[in-house]
Protein backbone atom coordinates (compact mmCIF):
# COMPACT_ATOMS: atom_id res chain seq x y z
CA UNK A 1 109.73 -86.27 14.20
CA UNK A 2 106.35 -86.73 12.59
CA UNK A 3 104.77 -83.97 10.56
CA UNK A 4 101.43 -82.77 12.02
CA UNK A 5 98.55 -83.91 9.80
CA UNK A 6 97.32 -80.36 9.10
CA UNK A 7 100.82 -79.30 8.06
CA UNK A 8 101.01 -82.32 5.77
CA UNK A 9 97.64 -81.45 4.21
CA UNK A 10 98.77 -77.87 3.54
CA UNK A 11 102.07 -79.06 2.06
CA UNK A 12 100.32 -81.59 -0.18
CA UNK A 13 97.84 -78.95 -1.30
CA UNK A 14 100.68 -76.64 -2.35
CA UNK A 15 102.40 -79.50 -4.18
CA UNK A 16 99.09 -80.26 -5.91
CA UNK A 17 98.52 -76.78 -7.28
CA UNK A 18 102.10 -75.98 -8.31
CA UNK A 19 102.93 -78.68 -10.82
CA UNK A 20 104.87 -78.50 -14.06
CA UNK A 21 101.83 -78.94 -16.28
CA UNK A 22 98.85 -76.57 -15.97
CA UNK A 23 96.36 -79.39 -16.60
CA UNK A 24 97.78 -81.28 -13.62
CA UNK A 25 97.50 -78.12 -11.49
CA UNK A 26 93.79 -77.98 -12.28
CA UNK A 27 93.14 -81.69 -11.87
CA UNK A 28 95.05 -82.06 -8.61
CA UNK A 29 93.70 -78.80 -7.18
CA UNK A 30 90.15 -80.08 -7.70
CA UNK A 31 91.05 -83.43 -6.15
CA UNK A 32 92.77 -81.76 -3.19
CA UNK A 33 89.85 -79.43 -2.56
CA UNK A 34 87.45 -82.38 -2.54
CA UNK A 35 89.49 -84.99 -0.66
CA UNK A 36 92.50 -83.82 1.38
CA UNK A 37 90.52 -82.92 4.51
CA UNK A 38 88.96 -86.41 4.63
CA UNK A 39 92.15 -88.38 4.01
CA UNK A 40 93.84 -90.24 6.87
CA UNK A 41 97.61 -90.58 7.39
CA UNK A 42 97.89 -93.66 5.17
CA UNK A 43 95.98 -92.07 2.29
CA UNK A 44 97.97 -88.84 2.66
CA UNK A 45 101.21 -90.85 2.55
CA UNK A 46 100.18 -92.53 -0.69
CA UNK A 47 99.11 -89.21 -2.19
CA UNK A 48 102.46 -87.71 -1.15
CA UNK A 49 104.21 -90.56 -2.97
CA UNK A 50 102.01 -90.02 -6.05
CA UNK A 51 102.94 -86.32 -6.11
CA UNK A 52 106.59 -87.35 -6.42
CA UNK A 53 105.84 -88.95 -9.79
CA UNK A 54 106.62 -87.14 -13.04
CA UNK A 55 103.83 -84.83 -14.28
CA UNK A 56 103.90 -86.34 -17.76
CA UNK A 57 103.34 -89.80 -16.26
CA UNK A 58 100.55 -88.49 -14.03
CA UNK A 59 98.80 -86.87 -16.98
CA UNK A 60 99.04 -90.05 -19.03
CA UNK A 61 97.56 -92.02 -16.13
CA UNK A 62 94.73 -89.52 -15.58
CA UNK A 63 93.88 -89.37 -19.27
CA UNK A 64 93.99 -93.16 -19.66
CA UNK A 65 96.83 -93.13 -22.18
CA UNK A 66 98.93 -95.37 -19.93
CA UNK A 67 97.95 -97.70 -17.07
CA UNK A 68 99.15 -96.47 -13.68
CA UNK A 69 101.06 -98.77 -11.28
CA UNK A 70 98.79 -100.98 -9.18
CA UNK A 71 99.66 -99.14 -5.97
CA UNK A 72 98.00 -95.98 -7.34
CA UNK A 73 94.97 -97.57 -9.05
CA UNK A 74 92.29 -96.67 -6.47
CA UNK A 75 93.71 -93.18 -5.90
CA UNK A 76 93.91 -92.53 -9.64
CA UNK A 77 90.30 -93.70 -10.03
CA UNK A 78 89.30 -91.01 -7.51
CA UNK A 79 91.39 -88.39 -9.28
CA UNK A 80 89.98 -89.34 -12.69
CA UNK A 81 86.41 -89.14 -11.34
CA UNK A 82 87.00 -85.48 -10.50
CA UNK A 83 88.84 -84.77 -13.74
CA UNK A 84 85.94 -85.43 -16.11
CA UNK A 85 85.92 -82.64 -18.66
CA UNK A 86 89.41 -81.47 -17.70
CA UNK A 87 91.31 -84.15 -19.61
CA UNK A 88 89.04 -84.14 -22.64
CA UNK A 89 88.69 -81.16 -25.01
């Protein structure tokens, strides 16, 4: 049975704001607030997959310390665009 899109958005929002690293909570909360409502099923599926990644990896990708996998490149570019000032002191 398929999850209704609004239920998926709410679930992804909660997963975005309750991470293991506070910086990722802030970064992904801002991204979710700005983008979740506009994302289609395919984009939500990719974001769901991204949220399954380790927080330390996500933070390194957002901050540019490590290159993210190709599958996430466009999504991470969007996340980084909203994270300006959050990842830098």
